[in-house]
Amino acid sequence: LNQAMEGIGYTVRGENGILNRRYFTKGGNQRSHHIHAFATGDAQIIKHLAFRDYLIKHNDVAIQYALMKK
């Protein structure tokens, strides 16, 4: 679906360092959206969701993570 994603303004990033992932971004340097796509049941989904859930429950860590990314 790479061409379809490009057609609606996303940049195709391939796996971008995570096995079996398809990664798409939108907005260039002012990124407004990003999509991580995996096959149903892929183990990477569990890792991503666990990380997300951890940041939701630990706001102090989420703030530190956001600062580190900047």
PDB file of N, CA and C in Angstrom:
ATOM      1  N   LEU A   1       0.807  -1.210   0.000  1.00  0.00           N
ATOM      2  CA  LEU A   1       0.000   0.000   0.000  1.00  0.00           C
ATOM      3  C   LEU A   1       0.850   1.275   0.000  1.00  0.00           C
ATOM      4  N   ASN A   2       2.139   1.128  -0.289  1.00  0.00           N
ATOM      5  CA  ASN A   2       3.015   2.303  -0.267  1.00  0.00           C
ATOM      6  C   ASN A   2       2.525   3.412  -1.196  1.00  0.00           C
ATOM      7  N   GLN A   3       2.125   3.063  -2.409  1.00  0.00           N
ATOM      8  CA  GLN A   3       1.670   4.088  -3.353  1.00  0.00           C
ATOM      9  C   GLN A   3       0.404   4.776  -2.861  1.00  0.00           C
ATOM     10  N   ALA A   4      -0.497   4.029  -2.266  1.00  0.00           N
ATOM     11  CA  ALA A   4      -1.723   4.620  -1.730  1.00  0.00           C
ATOM     12  C   ALA A   4      -1.397   5.595  -0.601  1.00  0.00           C
ATOM     13  N   MET A   5      -0.470   5.230   0.259  1.00  0.00           N
ATOM     14  CA  MET A   5      -0.084   6.108   1.368  1.00  0.00           C
ATOM     15  C   MET A   5       0.593   7.379   0.835  1.00  0.00           C
ATOM     16  N   GLU A   6       1.457   7.230  -0.162  1.00  0.00           N
ATOM     17  CA  GLU A   6       2.081   8.407  -0.764  1.00  0.00           C
ATOM     18  C   GLU A   6       1.027   9.309  -1.404  1.00  0.00           C
ATOM     19  N   GLY A   7       0.019   8.694  -1.989  1.00  0.00           N
ATOM     20  CA  GLY A   7      -1.043   9.440  -2.644  1.00  0.00           C
ATOM     21  C   GLY A   7      -1.831  10.329  -1.702  1.00  0.00           C
ATOM     22  N   ILE A   8      -1.823  10.018  -0.418  1.00  0.00           N
ATOM     23  CA  ILE A   8      -2.530  10.853   0.551  1.00  0.00           C
ATOM     24  C   ILE A   8      -1.551  11.641   1.436  1.00  0.00           C
ATOM     25  N   GLY A   9      -0.313  11.776   0.936  1.00  0.00           N
ATOM     26  CA  GLY A   9       0.630  12.693   1.559  1.00  0.00           C
ATOM     27  C   GLY A   9       1.618  12.118   2.550  1.00  0.00           C
ATOM     28  N   TYR A  10       1.682  10.799   2.690  1.00  0.00           N
ATOM     29  CA  TYR A  10       2.620  10.184   3.630  1.00  0.00           C
ATOM     30  C   TYR A  10       3.949   9.882   2.948  1.00  0.00           C
ATOM     31  N   THR A  11       5.019   9.923   3.721  1.00  0.00           N
ATOM     32  CA  THR A  11       6.337   9.483   3.281  1.00  0.00           C
ATOM     33  C   THR A  11       6.514   8.047   3.742  1.00  0.00           C
ATOM     34  N   VAL A  12       6.928   7.185   2.822  1.00  0.00           N
ATOM     35  CA  VAL A  12       7.137   5.771   3.127  1.00  0.00           C
ATOM     36  C   VAL A  12       8.523   5.606   3.728  1.00  0.00           C
ATOM     37  N   ARG A  13       8.606   5.010   4.923  1.00  0.00           N
ATOM     38  CA  ARG A  13       9.880   4.833   5.625  1.00  0.00           C
ATOM     39  C   ARG A  13      10.311   3.371   5.719  1.00  0.00           C
ATOM     40  N   GLY A  14       9.534   2.447   5.170  1.00  0.00           N
ATOM     41  CA  GLY A  14       9.887   1.028   5.243  1.00  0.00           C
ATOM     42  C   GLY A  14       9.855   0.533   6.677  1.00  0.00           C
ATOM     43  N   GLU A  15      10.765  -0.392   7.017  1.00  0.00           N
ATOM     44  CA  GLU A  15      10.840  -0.918   8.388  1.00  0.00           C
ATOM     45  C   GLU A  15      11.400   0.124   9.346  1.00  0.00           C
ATOM     46  N   ASN A  16      12.279   0.975   8.857  1.00  0.00           N
ATOM     47  CA  ASN A  16      12.885   2.050   9.651  1.00  0.00           C
ATOM     48  C   ASN A  16      13.424   1.550  10.994  1.00  0.00           C
ATOM     49  N   GLY A  17      14.156   0.442  10.940  1.00  0.00           N
ATOM     50  CA  GLY A  17      14.850  -0.048  12.125  1.00  0.00           C
ATOM     51  C   GLY A  17      14.090  -1.035  12.999  1.00  0.00           C
ATOM     52  N   ILE A  18      12.834  -1.325  12.686  1.00  0.00           N
ATOM     53  CA  ILE A  18      12.061  -2.286  13.475  1.00  0.00           C
ATOM     54  C   ILE A  18      11.554  -3.379  12.541  1.00  0.00           C
ATOM     55  N   LEU A  19      12.042  -4.578  12.759  1.00  0.00           N
ATOM     56  CA  LEU A  19      11.730  -5.717  11.910  1.00  0.00           C
ATOM     57  C   LEU A  19      10.228  -5.885  11.708  1.00  0.00           C
ATOM     58  N   ASN A  20       9.834  -6.083  10.484  1.00  0.00           N
ATOM     59  CA  ASN A  20       8.446  -6.355  10.065  1.00  0.00           C
ATOM     60  C   ASN A  20       7.505  -5.153  10.144  1.00  0.00           C
ATOM     61  N   ARG A  21       8.000  -3.997  10.544  1.00  0.00           N
ATOM     62  CA  ARG A  21       7.139  -2.809  10.616  1.00  0.00           C
ATOM     63  C   ARG A  21       7.102  -2.125   9.256  1.00  0.00           C
ATOM     64  N   ARG A  22       5.985  -1.480   8.970  1.00  0.00           N
ATOM     65  CA  ARG A  22       5.890  -0.525   7.874  1.00  0.00           C
ATOM     66  C   ARG A  22       5.560   0.805   8.530  1.00  0.00           C
ATOM     67  N   TYR A  23       6.392   1.798   8.247  1.00  0.00           N
ATOM     68  CA  TYR A  23       6.305   3.076   8.944  1.00  0.00           C
ATOM     69  C   TYR A  23       6.075   4.193   7.931  1.00  0.00           C
ATOM     70  N   PHE A  24       5.132   5.073   8.244  1.00  0.00           N
ATOM     71  CA  PHE A  24       4.781   6.178   7.367  1.00  0.00           C
ATOM     72  C   PHE A  24       4.703   7.459   8.193  1.00  0.00           C
ATOM     73  N   THR A  25       5.203   8.561   7.637  1.00  0.00           N
ATOM     74  CA  THR A  25       5.114   9.850   8.321  1.00  0.00           C
ATOM     75  C   THR A  25       4.480  10.870   7.387  1.00  0.00           C
ATOM     76  N   LYS A  26       3.946  11.926   7.993  1.00  0.00           N
ATOM     77  CA  LYS A  26       3.318  12.992   7.218  1.00  0.00           C
ATOM     78  C   LYS A  26       3.679  14.325   7.858  1.00  0.00           C
ATOM     79  N   GLY A  27       4.023  15.298   7.050  1.00  0.00           N
ATOM     80  CA  GLY A  27       4.284  16.633   7.562  1.00  0.00           C
ATOM     81  C   GLY A  27       5.746  17.047   7.542  1.00  0.00           C
ATOM     82  N   GLY A  28       6.633  16.203   7.025  1.00  0.00           N
ATOM     83  CA  GLY A  28       8.049  16.564   6.931  1.00  0.00           C
ATOM     84  C   GLY A  28       8.656  16.870   8.282  1.00  0.00           C
ATOM     85  N   ASN A  29       9.395  17.981   8.383  1.00  0.00           N
ATOM     86  CA  ASN A  29      10.041  18.371   9.642  1.00  0.00           C
ATOM     87  C   ASN A  29       9.037  18.816  10.700  1.00  0.00           C
ATOM     88  N   GLN A  30       7.841  19.158  10.285  1.00  0.00           N
ATOM     89  CA  GLN A  30       6.764  19.526  11.212  1.00  0.00           C
ATOM     90  C   GLN A  30       5.759  18.369  11.259  1.00  0.00           C
ATOM     91  N   ARG A  31       6.263  17.174  11.532  1.00  0.00           N
ATOM     92  CA  ARG A  31       5.462  15.948  11.441  1.00  0.00           C
ATOM     93  C   ARG A  31       4.137  16.092  12.184  1.00  0.00           C
ATOM     94  N   SER A  32       3.077  15.790  11.472  1.00  0.00           N
ATOM     95  CA  SER A  32       1.743  15.870  12.050  1.00  0.00           C
ATOM     96  C   SER A  32       1.154  14.493  12.331  1.00  0.00           C
ATOM     97  N   HIS A  33       1.631  13.483  11.618  1.00  0.00           N
ATOM     98  CA  HIS A  33       1.095  12.135  11.758  1.00  0.00           C
ATOM     99  C   HIS A  33       2.216  11.117  11.579  1.00  0.00           C
ATOM    100  N   HIS A  34       2.076   9.981  12.231  1.00  0.00           N
ATOM    101  CA  HIS A  34       2.927   8.836  11.928  1.00  0.00           C
ATOM    102  C   HIS A  34       2.118   7.567  12.150  1.00  0.00           C
ATOM    103  N   ILE A  35       2.380   6.593  11.290  1.00  0.00           N
ATOM    104  CA  ILE A  35       1.653   5.318  11.337  1.00  0.00           C
ATOM    105  C   ILE A  35       2.666   4.186  11.399  1.00  0.00           C
ATOM    106  N   HIS A  36       2.464   3.295  12.356  1.00  0.00           N
ATOM    107  CA  HIS A  36       3.234   2.057  12.446  1.00  0.00           C
ATOM    108  C   HIS A  36       2.274   0.938  12.056  1.00  0.00           C
ATOM    109  N   ALA A  37       2.613   0.164  11.050  1.00  0.00           N
ATOM    110  CA  ALA A  37       1.740  -0.930  10.616  1.00  0.00           C
ATOM    111  C   ALA A  37       2.495  -2.250  10.716  1.00  0.00           C
ATOM    112  N   PHE A  38       1.826  -3.248  11.285  1.00  0.00           N
ATOM    113  CA  PHE A  38       2.385  -4.588  11.434  1.00  0.00           C
ATOM    114  C   PHE A  38       1.346  -5.606  10.995  1.00  0.00           C
ATOM    115  N   ALA A  39       1.778  -6.792  10.668  1.00  0.00           N
ATOM    116  CA  ALA A  39       0.850  -7.887  10.419  1.00  0.00           C
ATOM    117  C   ALA A  39       0.166  -8.267  11.732  1.00  0.00           C
ATOM    118  N   THR A  40      -1.047  -8.672  11.648  1.00  0.00           N
ATOM    119  CA  THR A  40      -1.789  -9.094  12.836  1.00  0.00           C
ATOM    120  C   THR A  40      -0.991 -10.139  13.606  1.00  0.00           C
ATOM    121  N   GLY A  41      -0.855  -9.921  14.919  1.00  0.00           N
ATOM    122  CA  GLY A  41      -0.185 -10.881  15.773  1.00  0.00           C
ATOM    123  C   GLY A  41       1.319 -10.727  15.880  1.00  0.00           C
ATOM    124  N   ASP A  42       1.917  -9.781  15.169  1.00  0.00           N
ATOM    125  CA  ASP A  42       3.366  -9.589  15.229  1.00  0.00           C
ATOM    126  C   ASP A  42       3.786  -9.206  16.653  1.00  0.00           C
ATOM    127  N   ALA A  43       4.872  -9.775  17.127  1.00  0.00           N
ATOM    128  CA  ALA A  43       5.353  -9.532  18.493  1.00  0.00           C
ATOM    129  C   ALA A  43       5.698  -8.061  18.730  1.00  0.00           C
ATOM    130  N   GLN A  44       6.075  -7.342  17.686  1.00  0.00           N
ATOM    131  CA  GLN A  44       6.434  -5.926  17.850  1.00  0.00           C
ATOM    132  C   GLN A  44       5.239  -5.084  18.304  1.00  0.00           C
ATOM    133  N   ILE A  45       4.032  -5.516  17.952  1.00  0.00           N
ATOM    134  CA  ILE A  45       2.836  -4.781  18.374  1.00  0.00           C
ATOM    135  C   ILE A  45       2.765  -4.748  19.897  1.00  0.00           C
ATOM    136  N   ILE A  46       3.005  -5.882  20.527  1.00  0.00           N
ATOM    137  CA  ILE A  46       2.945  -5.963  21.991  1.00  0.00           C
ATOM    138  C   ILE A  46       3.956  -5.009  22.618  1.00  0.00           C
ATOM    139  N   LYS A  47       5.161  -4.949  22.062  1.00  0.00           N
ATOM    140  CA  LYS A  47       6.191  -4.050  22.590  1.00  0.00           C
ATOM    141  C   LYS A  47       5.782  -2.587  22.451  1.00  0.00           C
ATOM    142  N   HIS A  48       5.270  -2.220  21.293  1.00  0.00           N
ATOM    143  CA  HIS A  48       4.868  -0.829  21.064  1.00  0.00           C
ATOM    144  C   HIS A  48       3.725  -0.421  21.996  1.00  0.00           C
ATOM    145  N   LEU A  49       2.751  -1.280  22.140  1.00  0.00           N
ATOM    146  CA  LEU A  49       1.610  -0.950  22.996  1.00  0.00           C
ATOM    147  C   LEU A  49       2.012  -0.911  24.466  1.00  0.00           C
ATOM    148  N   ALA A  50       2.922  -1.786  24.867  1.00  0.00           N
ATOM    149  CA  ALA A  50       3.395  -1.766  26.255  1.00  0.00           C
ATOM    150  C   ALA A  50       4.142  -0.458  26.540  1.00  0.00           C
ATOM    151  N   PHE A  51       4.959  -0.009  25.597  1.00  0.00           N
ATOM    152  CA  PHE A  51       5.683   1.248  25.758  1.00  0.00           C
ATOM    153  C   PHE A  51       4.707   2.419  25.841  1.00  0.00           C
ATOM    154  N   ARG A  52       3.729   2.434  24.947  1.00  0.00           N
ATOM    155  CA  ARG A  52       2.707   3.481  24.980  1.00  0.00           C
ATOM    156  C   ARG A  52       1.983   3.509  26.320  1.00  0.00           C
ATOM    157  N   ASP A  53       1.555   2.342  26.772  1.00  0.00           N
ATOM    158  CA  ASP A  53       0.813   2.252  28.026  1.00  0.00           C
ATOM    159  C   ASP A  53       1.667   2.694  29.218  1.00  0.00           C
ATOM    160  N   TYR A  54       2.959   2.355  29.189  1.00  0.00           N
ATOM    161  CA  TYR A  54       3.857   2.773  30.263  1.00  0.00           C
ATOM    162  C   TYR A  54       3.955   4.297  30.320  1.00  0.00           C
ATOM    163  N   LEU A  55       4.106   4.928  29.153  1.00  0.00           N
ATOM    164  CA  LEU A  55       4.205   6.382  29.123  1.00  0.00           C
ATOM    165  C   LEU A  55       2.909   7.037  29.593  1.00  0.00           C
ATOM    166  N   ILE A  56       1.780   6.442  29.271  1.00  0.00           N
ATOM    167  CA  ILE A  56       0.501   6.983  29.725  1.00  0.00           C
ATOM    168  C   ILE A  56       0.419   6.944  31.249  1.00  0.00           C
ATOM    169  N   LYS A  57       0.892   5.873  31.853  1.00  0.00           N
ATOM    170  CA  LYS A  57       0.801   5.711  33.307  1.00  0.00           C
ATOM    171  C   LYS A  57       1.893   6.453  34.068  1.00  0.00           C
ATOM    172  N   HIS A  58       2.963   6.852  33.391  1.00  0.00           N
ATOM    173  CA  HIS A  58       4.109   7.493  34.047  1.00  0.00           C
ATOM    174  C   HIS A  58       4.412   8.813  33.352  1.00  0.00           C
ATOM    175  N   ASN A  59       3.639   9.824  33.701  1.00  0.00           N
ATOM    176  CA  ASN A  59       3.752  11.120  33.040  1.00  0.00           C
ATOM    177  C   ASN A  59       5.148  11.719  33.165  1.00  0.00           C
ATOM    178  N   ASP A  60       5.815  11.538  34.297  1.00  0.00           N
ATOM    179  CA  ASP A  60       7.168  12.075  34.473  1.00  0.00           C
ATOM    180  C   ASP A  60       8.140  11.468  33.461  1.00  0.00           C
ATOM    181  N   VAL A  61       8.012  10.182  33.214  1.00  0.00           N
ATOM    182  CA  VAL A  61       8.864   9.514  32.227  1.00  0.00           C
ATOM    183  C   VAL A  61       8.500   9.989  30.823  1.00  0.00           C
ATOM    184  N   ALA A  62       7.220  10.174  30.564  1.00  0.00           N
ATOM    185  CA  ALA A  62       6.772  10.654  29.255  1.00  0.00           C
ATOM    186  C   ALA A  62       7.360  12.035  28.953  1.00  0.00           C
ATOM    187  N   ILE A  63       7.403  12.892  29.953  1.00  0.00           N
ATOM    188  CA  ILE A  63       7.978  14.230  29.776  1.00  0.00           C
ATOM    189  C   ILE A  63       9.469  14.134  29.480  1.00  0.00           C
ATOM    190  N   GLN A  64      10.176  13.294  30.230  1.00  0.00           N
ATOM    191  CA  GLN A  64      11.611  13.109  29.994  1.00  0.00           C
ATOM    192  C   GLN A  64      11.865  12.549  28.595  1.00  0.00           C
ATOM    193  N   TYR A  65      11.039  11.604  28.183  1.00  0.00           N
ATOM    194  CA  TYR A  65      11.164  10.996  26.858  1.00  0.00           C
ATOM    195  C   TYR A  65      10.946  12.046  25.761  1.00  0.00           C
ATOM    196  N   ALA A  66       9.931  12.888  25.938  1.00  0.00           N
ATOM    197  CA  ALA A  66       9.646  13.940  24.965  1.00  0.00           C
ATOM    198  C   ALA A  66      10.812  14.916  24.865  1.00  0.00           C
ATOM    199  N   LEU A  67      11.395  15.283  25.999  1.00  0.00           N
ATOM    200  CA  LEU A  67      12.545  16.203  25.983  1.00  0.00           C
ATOM    201  C   LEU A  67      13.745  15.569  25.311  1.00  0.00           C
ATOM    202  N   MET A  68      13.967  14.300  25.563  1.00  0.00           N
ATOM    203  CA  MET A  68      15.088  13.591  24.950  1.00  0.00           C
ATOM    204  C   MET A  68      14.941  13.560  23.426  1.00  0.00           C
ATOM    205  N   LYS A  69      13.718  13.361  22.945  1.00  0.00           N
ATOM    206  CA  LYS A  69      13.479  13.290  21.504  1.00  0.00           C
ATOM    207  C   LYS A  69      13.704  14.623  20.809  1.00  0.00           C
ATOM    208  N   LYS A  70      13.478  15.722  21.545  1.00  0.00           N
ATOM    209  CA  LYS A  70      13.692  17.046  20.936  1.00  0.00           C
ATOM    210  C   LYS A  70      15.159  17.303  20.767  1.00  0.00           C
TER     211      LYS A  70
END
